[in-house]
Amino acid sequence: MTFPVPRAPKKRAFTPPSPLPTVEEVSAGGIVVDLETPGHPVAIIARINRGGRLEWCLPKGHPEGEESNEEAACREIEEETGIAGRILAPLGSIDYWFTVSGHRVHKTVHHFLLKATGGYLTTEKDPDHEAIDVAWSDIDDLGRKLSFPNERRIADIAREYIIHQI
């Protein structure tokens, strides 16, 4: 008696999933500090992330038109916090990746240190209404309040600059 020999399944060529298209984004923002007040408070904003959680972060946004990163940082900080400022120093750039709506985003954010020159805390000037709250945080407490490690590193650079340069 003979038994049929089982056939090996037909091999199919492996096709890797198609890569998602990549989009490059640039934003600018940073730290606006009140150097006239003890504790050197910094204006920070709260946003709701895509997962619905509250995040405290540094104000930032996209340059508009022919704006430089410095001009965009000043405008975005004032729009999102209500505080106008003058740039004292660049603090560095961070970049990160995320996926949204079927594409990958590579985002670079340029941060600057600004001296507060006027205004008052408000989210009413934010045209996108992304900031749901704004608060002052003493520069020494800033690292404990910010949600993202890369922004905490920017805060440390700003704190060192303030201690040693101002």
N, C-alpha and C. Protein backbone atom coordinates (compact mmCIF):
# COMPACT_ATOMS: atom_id res chain seq x y z
N MET A 1 0.85 -1.15 0.00
CA MET A 1 0.00 0.00 0.00
C MET A 1 0.91 1.23 0.00
N THR A 2 0.59 2.17 -0.85
CA THR A 2 1.37 3.40 -0.90
C THR A 2 0.51 4.55 -0.43
N PHE A 3 1.17 5.44 0.23
CA PHE A 3 0.49 6.65 0.72
C PHE A 3 0.99 7.84 -0.09
N PRO A 4 0.11 8.78 -0.35
CA PRO A 4 0.56 9.95 -1.09
C PRO A 4 1.57 10.73 -0.26
N VAL A 5 2.58 11.21 -0.92
CA VAL A 5 3.59 12.02 -0.25
C VAL A 5 3.06 13.44 -0.15
N PRO A 6 3.01 13.96 1.08
CA PRO A 6 2.51 15.34 1.19
C PRO A 6 3.44 16.30 0.48
N ARG A 7 2.85 17.24 -0.21
CA ARG A 7 3.63 18.25 -0.90
C ARG A 7 3.89 19.42 0.04
N ALA A 8 5.06 19.96 -0.13
CA ALA A 8 5.37 21.18 0.63
C ALA A 8 4.52 22.31 0.06
N PRO A 9 4.06 23.19 0.94
CA PRO A 9 3.27 24.31 0.42
C PRO A 9 4.10 25.13 -0.55
N LYS A 10 3.42 25.65 -1.54
CA LYS A 10 4.09 26.46 -2.54
C LYS A 10 4.62 27.72 -1.86
N LYS A 11 5.88 28.04 -2.13
CA LYS A 11 6.48 29.21 -1.50
C LYS A 11 6.06 30.46 -2.24
N ARG A 12 5.73 31.46 -1.47
CA ARG A 12 5.41 32.76 -2.04
C ARG A 12 6.54 33.72 -1.69
N ALA A 13 6.83 34.58 -2.59
CA ALA A 13 7.88 35.57 -2.34
C ALA A 13 7.41 36.51 -1.23
N PHE A 14 8.33 36.83 -0.32
CA PHE A 14 8.03 37.76 0.76
C PHE A 14 7.98 39.17 0.20
N THR A 15 6.90 39.84 0.47
CA THR A 15 6.76 41.23 0.04
C THR A 15 6.67 42.08 1.30
N PRO A 16 7.69 42.89 1.56
CA PRO A 16 7.62 43.72 2.76
C PRO A 16 6.50 44.74 2.62
N PRO A 17 5.95 45.16 3.76
CA PRO A 17 4.90 46.17 3.69
C PRO A 17 5.46 47.44 3.04
N SER A 18 4.62 48.12 2.30
CA SER A 18 5.10 49.33 1.63
C SER A 18 5.42 50.38 2.69
N PRO A 19 6.55 51.06 2.52
CA PRO A 19 6.91 52.08 3.50
C PRO A 19 5.94 53.26 3.43
N LEU A 20 5.70 53.84 4.58
CA LEU A 20 4.83 55.01 4.62
C LEU A 20 5.58 56.21 4.05
N PRO A 21 4.87 57.09 3.38
CA PRO A 21 5.54 58.31 2.92
C PRO A 21 5.99 59.14 4.12
N THR A 22 7.09 59.84 3.94
CA THR A 22 7.65 60.65 5.02
C THR A 22 7.46 62.13 4.71
N VAL A 23 7.08 62.88 5.74
CA VAL A 23 6.90 64.32 5.64
C VAL A 23 7.89 64.97 6.60
N GLU A 24 8.59 66.00 6.13
CA GLU A 24 9.50 66.77 6.98
C GLU A 24 8.76 67.99 7.50
N GLU A 25 8.82 68.22 8.81
CA GLU A 25 8.20 69.40 9.41
C GLU A 25 9.23 70.15 10.23
N VAL A 26 9.09 71.47 10.27
CA VAL A 26 9.96 72.33 11.07
C VAL A 26 9.08 73.19 11.95
N SER A 27 9.47 73.32 13.21
CA SER A 27 8.80 74.22 14.14
C SER A 27 9.86 75.02 14.88
N ALA A 28 9.42 76.10 15.50
CA ALA A 28 10.31 76.92 16.31
C ALA A 28 9.54 77.39 17.54
N GLY A 29 10.26 77.54 18.63
CA GLY A 29 9.65 77.98 19.89
C GLY A 29 10.72 78.07 20.94
N GLY A 30 10.31 77.81 22.18
CA GLY A 30 11.32 77.80 23.23
C GLY A 30 10.83 78.27 24.57
N ILE A 31 11.75 78.94 25.24
CA ILE A 31 11.57 79.32 26.64
C ILE A 31 11.56 80.84 26.74
N VAL A 32 10.45 81.37 27.25
CA VAL A 32 10.37 82.80 27.53
C VAL A 32 10.40 82.94 29.05
N VAL A 33 11.41 83.68 29.54
CA VAL A 33 11.67 83.75 30.98
C VAL A 33 11.51 85.19 31.47
N ASP A 34 10.92 85.33 32.65
CA ASP A 34 10.80 86.63 33.31
C ASP A 34 12.02 86.81 34.20
N LEU A 35 13.00 87.55 33.71
CA LEU A 35 14.26 87.73 34.45
C LEU A 35 14.14 88.73 35.58
N GLU A 36 13.03 89.47 35.66
CA GLU A 36 12.84 90.48 36.70
C GLU A 36 12.21 89.90 37.96
N THR A 37 11.73 88.67 37.90
CA THR A 37 11.03 88.04 39.03
C THR A 37 11.91 86.97 39.63
N PRO A 38 12.01 86.93 40.98
CA PRO A 38 12.79 85.85 41.62
C PRO A 38 12.29 84.48 41.17
N GLY A 39 13.23 83.56 40.99
CA GLY A 39 12.88 82.22 40.53
C GLY A 39 12.88 82.11 39.02
N HIS A 40 13.00 83.26 38.35
CA HIS A 40 13.01 83.31 36.88
C HIS A 40 11.93 82.40 36.28
N PRO A 41 10.65 82.77 36.46
CA PRO A 41 9.58 81.92 35.93
C PRO A 41 9.57 81.87 34.40
N VAL A 42 9.17 80.72 33.89
CA VAL A 42 9.08 80.43 32.47
C VAL A 42 7.63 80.11 32.14
N ALA A 43 7.14 80.63 31.00
CA ALA A 43 5.77 80.35 30.56
C ALA A 43 5.74 79.02 29.81
N ILE A 44 4.88 78.11 30.28
CA ILE A 44 4.70 76.81 29.62
C ILE A 44 3.22 76.62 29.31
N ILE A 45 2.95 75.72 28.37
CA ILE A 45 1.56 75.51 27.97
C ILE A 45 1.15 74.05 28.19
N ALA A 46 -0.15 73.85 28.29
CA ALA A 46 -0.72 72.50 28.38
C ALA A 46 -1.52 72.25 27.11
N ARG A 47 -1.35 71.04 26.58
CA ARG A 47 -2.09 70.59 25.40
C ARG A 47 -2.64 69.21 25.68
N ILE A 48 -3.65 68.84 24.93
CA ILE A 48 -4.17 67.48 24.98
C ILE A 48 -3.54 66.73 23.80
N ASN A 49 -2.85 65.61 24.08
CA ASN A 49 -2.19 64.87 23.00
C ASN A 49 -3.20 64.03 22.22
N ARG A 50 -2.71 63.36 21.18
CA ARG A 50 -3.58 62.54 20.32
C ARG A 50 -4.27 61.42 21.10
N GLY A 51 -3.65 61.01 22.22
CA GLY A 51 -4.24 59.96 23.05
C GLY A 51 -5.21 60.49 24.10
N GLY A 52 -5.40 61.82 24.13
CA GLY A 52 -6.34 62.41 25.07
C GLY A 52 -5.74 62.78 26.42
N ARG A 53 -4.41 62.69 26.56
CA ARG A 53 -3.77 63.01 27.84
C ARG A 53 -3.23 64.42 27.84
N LEU A 54 -3.19 65.04 29.01
CA LEU A 54 -2.66 66.38 29.19
C LEU A 54 -1.14 66.34 29.20
N GLU A 55 -0.51 67.23 28.43
CA GLU A 55 0.95 67.34 28.39
C GLU A 55 1.34 68.79 28.61
N TRP A 56 2.30 69.02 29.50
CA TRP A 56 2.87 70.35 29.69
C TRP A 56 4.12 70.42 28.81
N CYS A 57 4.19 71.46 28.01
CA CYS A 57 5.30 71.55 27.06
C CYS A 57 5.68 73.01 26.78
N LEU A 58 6.75 73.15 26.02
CA LEU A 58 7.22 74.46 25.61
C LEU A 58 6.40 74.90 24.40
N PRO A 59 6.10 76.19 24.30
CA PRO A 59 5.36 76.67 23.14
C PRO A 59 6.20 76.60 21.87
N LYS A 60 5.55 76.24 20.77
CA LYS A 60 6.24 76.12 19.48
C LYS A 60 5.21 76.06 18.37
N GLY A 61 5.69 76.28 17.15
CA GLY A 61 4.81 76.17 15.99
C GLY A 61 5.58 76.35 14.70
N HIS A 62 4.87 76.23 13.61
CA HIS A 62 5.48 76.29 12.28
C HIS A 62 5.74 77.73 11.83
N PRO A 63 6.88 77.97 11.19
CA PRO A 63 7.09 79.28 10.56
C PRO A 63 6.03 79.52 9.48
N GLU A 64 5.63 80.76 9.35
CA GLU A 64 4.63 81.14 8.35
C GLU A 64 5.30 81.95 7.25
N GLY A 65 4.99 81.63 6.02
CA GLY A 65 5.53 82.38 4.89
C GLY A 65 7.05 82.36 4.88
N GLU A 66 7.65 83.54 4.84
CA GLU A 66 9.11 83.68 4.78
C GLU A 66 9.73 83.91 6.16
N GLU A 67 8.98 83.62 7.23
CA GLU A 67 9.50 83.83 8.59
C GLU A 67 10.77 83.01 8.83
N SER A 68 11.71 83.60 9.55
CA SER A 68 12.86 82.85 10.04
C SER A 68 12.42 82.03 11.25
N ASN A 69 13.27 81.10 11.65
CA ASN A 69 12.95 80.33 12.86
C ASN A 69 12.86 81.24 14.07
N GLU A 70 13.72 82.26 14.15
CA GLU A 70 13.70 83.20 15.27
C GLU A 70 12.39 83.99 15.31
N GLU A 71 11.95 84.46 14.15
CA GLU A 71 10.68 85.21 14.09
C GLU A 71 9.50 84.31 14.45
N ALA A 72 9.53 83.08 13.94
CA ALA A 72 8.45 82.14 14.25
C ALA A 72 8.41 81.82 15.73
N ALA A 73 9.58 81.64 16.35
CA ALA A 73 9.63 81.34 17.80
C ALA A 73 9.00 82.48 18.59
N CYS A 74 9.37 83.70 18.29
CA CYS A 74 8.81 84.86 19.02
C CYS A 74 7.30 84.93 18.85
N ARG A 75 6.82 84.78 17.61
CA ARG A 75 5.39 84.85 17.34
C ARG A 75 4.63 83.72 18.02
N GLU A 76 5.12 82.48 17.86
CA GLU A 76 4.43 81.33 18.44
C GLU A 76 4.37 81.40 19.96
N ILE A 77 5.47 81.79 20.58
CA ILE A 77 5.49 81.91 22.04
C ILE A 77 4.46 82.94 22.50
N GLU A 78 4.42 84.08 21.83
CA GLU A 78 3.44 85.10 22.22
C GLU A 78 2.01 84.64 21.97
N GLU A 79 1.76 83.97 20.83
CA GLU A 79 0.41 83.49 20.55
C GLU A 79 -0.04 82.46 21.57
N GLU A 80 0.84 81.54 21.93
CA GLU A 80 0.42 80.44 22.80
C GLU A 80 0.46 80.76 24.28
N THR A 81 1.26 81.76 24.68
CA THR A 81 1.37 82.07 26.12
C THR A 81 0.85 83.46 26.47
N GLY A 82 0.79 84.36 25.48
CA GLY A 82 0.43 85.75 25.75
C GLY A 82 1.63 86.61 26.11
N ILE A 83 2.81 86.02 26.24
CA ILE A 83 4.01 86.74 26.68
C ILE A 83 4.91 87.05 25.47
N ALA A 84 5.19 88.34 25.28
CA ALA A 84 6.11 88.77 24.22
C ALA A 84 7.54 88.64 24.75
N GLY A 85 8.47 88.42 23.83
CA GLY A 85 9.85 88.27 24.27
C GLY A 85 10.85 88.66 23.20
N ARG A 86 12.09 88.83 23.66
CA ARG A 86 13.22 89.15 22.79
C ARG A 86 14.23 88.02 22.93
N ILE A 87 14.75 87.53 21.80
CA ILE A 87 15.68 86.39 21.82
C ILE A 87 17.00 86.78 22.47
N LEU A 88 17.43 85.93 23.42
CA LEU A 88 18.73 86.07 24.07
C LEU A 88 19.76 85.11 23.48
N ALA A 89 19.32 83.89 23.17
CA ALA A 89 20.28 82.88 22.69
C ALA A 89 19.53 81.70 22.07
N PRO A 90 20.17 81.02 21.12
CA PRO A 90 19.62 79.74 20.66
C PRO A 90 19.90 78.67 21.71
N LEU A 91 18.97 77.73 21.86
CA LEU A 91 19.13 76.66 22.86
C LEU A 91 19.38 75.30 22.22
N GLY A 92 19.27 75.22 20.93
CA GLY A 92 19.47 73.95 20.25
C GLY A 92 18.20 73.46 19.57
N SER A 93 18.35 72.38 18.86
CA SER A 93 17.24 71.78 18.12
C SER A 93 17.06 70.34 18.54
N ILE A 94 15.83 69.88 18.49
CA ILE A 94 15.52 68.48 18.75
C ILE A 94 14.76 67.96 17.54
N ASP A 95 14.88 66.66 17.29
CA ASP A 95 14.07 66.08 16.23
C ASP A 95 13.52 64.75 16.71
N TYR A 96 12.39 64.39 16.15
CA TYR A 96 11.73 63.15 16.52
C TYR A 96 10.82 62.72 15.39
N TRP A 97 10.36 61.46 15.46
CA TRP A 97 9.49 60.86 14.45
C TRP A 97 8.17 60.48 15.09
N PHE A 98 7.10 60.59 14.31
CA PHE A 98 5.81 60.04 14.72
C PHE A 98 5.01 59.71 13.47
N THR A 99 3.98 58.89 13.63
CA THR A 99 3.14 58.48 12.52
C THR A 99 1.74 59.02 12.75
N VAL A 100 1.17 59.58 11.69
CA VAL A 100 -0.18 60.12 11.76
C VAL A 100 -0.81 60.03 10.38
N SER A 101 -2.06 59.66 10.32
CA SER A 101 -2.86 59.64 9.07
C SER A 101 -2.13 59.00 7.89
N GLY A 102 -1.52 57.85 8.11
CA GLY A 102 -0.91 57.12 7.02
C GLY A 102 0.42 57.63 6.52
N HIS A 103 1.07 58.49 7.28
CA HIS A 103 2.42 58.93 6.90
C HIS A 103 3.27 59.15 8.14
N ARG A 104 4.58 59.07 7.94
CA ARG A 104 5.53 59.32 9.01
C ARG A 104 5.95 60.77 8.95
N VAL A 105 6.11 61.37 10.12
CA VAL A 105 6.54 62.76 10.21
C VAL A 105 7.89 62.81 10.91
N HIS A 106 8.85 63.46 10.26
CA HIS A 106 10.14 63.75 10.89
C HIS A 106 10.11 65.23 11.23
N LYS A 107 10.04 65.53 12.52
CA LYS A 107 9.88 66.91 12.97
C LYS A 107 11.16 67.41 13.62
N THR A 108 11.57 68.61 13.24
CA THR A 108 12.71 69.29 13.85
C THR A 108 12.17 70.55 14.50
N VAL A 109 12.51 70.75 15.77
CA VAL A 109 12.06 71.93 16.51
C VAL A 109 13.29 72.72 16.96
N HIS A 110 13.35 73.99 16.55
CA HIS A 110 14.43 74.89 16.93
C HIS A 110 13.98 75.69 18.15
N HIS A 111 14.78 75.64 19.22
CA HIS A 111 14.43 76.31 20.48
C HIS A 111 15.32 77.52 20.74
N PHE A 112 14.71 78.54 21.31
CA PHE A 112 15.42 79.77 21.65
C PHE A 112 15.05 80.19 23.07
N LEU A 113 15.98 80.91 23.71
CA LEU A 113 15.73 81.51 25.01
C LEU A 113 15.33 82.96 24.77
N LEU A 114 14.18 83.35 25.32
CA LEU A 114 13.68 84.71 25.18
C LEU A 114 13.52 85.36 26.54
N LYS A 115 13.83 86.65 26.59
CA LYS A 115 13.56 87.46 27.78
C LYS A 115 12.17 88.05 27.61
N ALA A 116 11.31 87.85 28.62
CA ALA A 116 9.95 88.40 28.57
C ALA A 116 10.03 89.92 28.53
N THR A 117 9.27 90.51 27.59
CA THR A 117 9.26 91.97 27.46
C THR A 117 7.88 92.57 27.69
N GLY A 118 6.85 91.75 27.84
CA GLY A 118 5.52 92.28 28.07
C GLY A 118 4.46 91.21 27.90
N GLY A 119 3.23 91.62 28.12
CA GLY A 119 2.10 90.72 27.97
C GLY A 119 1.65 90.12 29.28
N TYR A 120 0.69 89.24 29.20
CA TYR A 120 0.17 88.53 30.37
C TYR A 120 -0.25 87.14 29.91
N LEU A 121 -0.22 86.19 30.85
CA LEU A 121 -0.55 84.80 30.51
C LEU A 121 -1.98 84.68 30.00
N THR A 122 -2.11 84.12 28.81
CA THR A 122 -3.42 83.84 28.24
C THR A 122 -3.27 82.87 27.08
N THR A 123 -4.29 82.08 26.85
CA THR A 123 -4.32 81.22 25.66
C THR A 123 -5.24 81.82 24.60
N GLU A 124 -5.81 82.97 24.89
CA GLU A 124 -6.79 83.59 23.98
C GLU A 124 -6.19 84.04 22.66
N LYS A 125 -4.86 84.23 22.60
CA LYS A 125 -4.22 84.69 21.36
C LYS A 125 -3.83 83.53 20.44
N ASP A 126 -4.04 82.29 20.89
CA ASP A 126 -3.64 81.11 20.13
C ASP A 126 -4.66 80.86 19.02
N PRO A 127 -4.30 81.15 17.75
CA PRO A 127 -5.28 81.00 16.68
C PRO A 127 -5.71 79.55 16.43
N ASP A 128 -4.85 78.59 16.76
CA ASP A 128 -5.17 77.18 16.57
C ASP A 128 -5.88 76.56 17.76
N HIS A 129 -5.90 77.28 18.87
CA HIS A 129 -6.52 76.80 20.12
C HIS A 129 -5.97 75.44 20.54
N GLU A 130 -4.65 75.24 20.33
CA GLU A 130 -4.00 74.01 20.77
C GLU A 130 -3.68 74.06 22.26
N ALA A 131 -3.28 75.22 22.74
CA ALA A 131 -2.95 75.38 24.16
C ALA A 131 -4.27 75.50 24.93
N ILE A 132 -4.44 74.62 25.92
CA ILE A 132 -5.66 74.69 26.71
C ILE A 132 -5.42 75.36 28.05
N ASP A 133 -4.15 75.52 28.43
CA ASP A 133 -3.80 76.20 29.67
C ASP A 133 -2.38 76.73 29.52
N VAL A 134 -2.07 77.72 30.34
CA VAL A 134 -0.74 78.31 30.36
C VAL A 134 -0.41 78.62 31.81
N ALA A 135 0.87 78.48 32.17
CA ALA A 135 1.26 78.71 33.57
C ALA A 135 2.71 79.16 33.63
N TRP A 136 3.06 79.82 34.73
CA TRP A 136 4.45 80.13 35.02
C TRP A 136 5.03 78.97 35.82
N SER A 137 6.27 78.64 35.54
CA SER A 137 7.00 77.64 36.31
C SER A 137 8.39 78.18 36.58
N ASP A 138 8.81 78.18 37.84
CA ASP A 138 10.18 78.62 38.14
C ASP A 138 11.16 77.77 37.34
N ILE A 139 12.22 78.40 36.87
CA ILE A 139 13.20 77.71 36.03
C ILE A 139 13.75 76.44 36.72
N ASP A 140 13.89 76.46 38.05
CA ASP A 140 14.40 75.29 38.77
C ASP A 140 13.40 74.13 38.81
N ASP A 141 12.10 74.42 38.66
CA ASP A 141 11.06 73.39 38.68
C ASP A 141 10.65 72.93 37.29
N LEU A 142 11.13 73.61 36.29
CA LEU A 142 10.68 73.37 34.92
C LEU A 142 10.86 71.92 34.49
N GLY A 143 12.00 71.33 34.78
CA GLY A 143 12.27 69.94 34.38
C GLY A 143 11.28 68.95 34.95
N ARG A 144 10.74 69.23 36.12
CA ARG A 144 9.76 68.32 36.74
C ARG A 144 8.38 68.48 36.14
N LYS A 145 8.11 69.62 35.50
CA LYS A 145 6.77 69.88 34.97
C LYS A 145 6.60 69.51 33.51
N LEU A 146 7.68 69.59 32.73
CA LEU A 146 7.58 69.29 31.31
C LEU A 146 7.39 67.80 31.07
N SER A 147 6.57 67.46 30.10
CA SER A 147 6.22 66.06 29.82
C SER A 147 7.27 65.30 29.04
N PHE A 148 8.09 65.98 28.26
CA PHE A 148 9.00 65.30 27.34
C PHE A 148 10.45 65.43 27.75
N PRO A 149 11.20 64.32 27.76
CA PRO A 149 12.62 64.36 28.13
C PRO A 149 13.45 65.31 27.26
N ASN A 150 13.17 65.36 25.96
CA ASN A 150 13.96 66.24 25.10
C ASN A 150 13.73 67.71 25.44
N GLU A 151 12.52 68.07 25.86
CA GLU A 151 12.26 69.45 26.28
C GLU A 151 12.88 69.71 27.65
N ARG A 152 12.95 68.70 28.49
CA ARG A 152 13.63 68.88 29.79
C ARG A 152 15.11 69.18 29.58
N ARG A 153 15.72 68.55 28.57
CA ARG A 153 17.13 68.85 28.26
C ARG A 153 17.28 70.29 27.78
N ILE A 154 16.35 70.78 26.98
CA ILE A 154 16.37 72.18 26.54
C ILE A 154 16.23 73.10 27.75
N ALA A 155 15.37 72.74 28.69
CA ALA A 155 15.19 73.54 29.91
C ALA A 155 16.47 73.58 30.73
N ASP A 156 17.20 72.47 30.80
CA ASP A 156 18.48 72.44 31.52
C ASP A 156 19.50 73.37 30.87
N ILE A 157 19.53 73.39 29.54
CA ILE A 157 20.45 74.28 28.82
C ILE A 157 20.09 75.73 29.12
N ALA A 158 18.80 76.05 29.12
CA ALA A 158 18.35 77.42 29.42
C ALA A 158 18.72 77.81 30.84
N ARG A 159 18.51 76.90 31.78
CA ARG A 159 18.84 77.18 33.18
C ARG A 159 20.33 77.47 33.34
N GLU A 160 21.17 76.66 32.71
CA GLU A 160 22.62 76.88 32.78
C GLU A 160 23.00 78.21 32.15
N TYR A 161 22.38 78.56 31.05
CA TYR A 161 22.66 79.84 30.40
C TYR A 161 22.31 81.00 31.34
N ILE A 162 21.14 80.92 31.95
CA ILE A 162 20.68 81.98 32.86
C ILE A 162 21.62 82.10 34.05
N ILE A 163 22.03 80.99 34.62
CA ILE A 163 22.93 81.00 35.79
C ILE A 163 24.27 81.61 35.44
N HIS A 164 24.81 81.24 34.28
CA HIS A 164 26.19 81.62 33.95
C HIS A 164 26.34 82.86 33.07
N GLN A 165 25.30 83.23 32.38
CA GLN A 165 25.41 84.35 31.43
C GLN A 165 24.67 85.61 31.87
N ILE A 166 23.71 85.46 32.74
CA ILE A 166 22.88 86.63 33.09
C ILE A 166 23.10 87.02 34.54
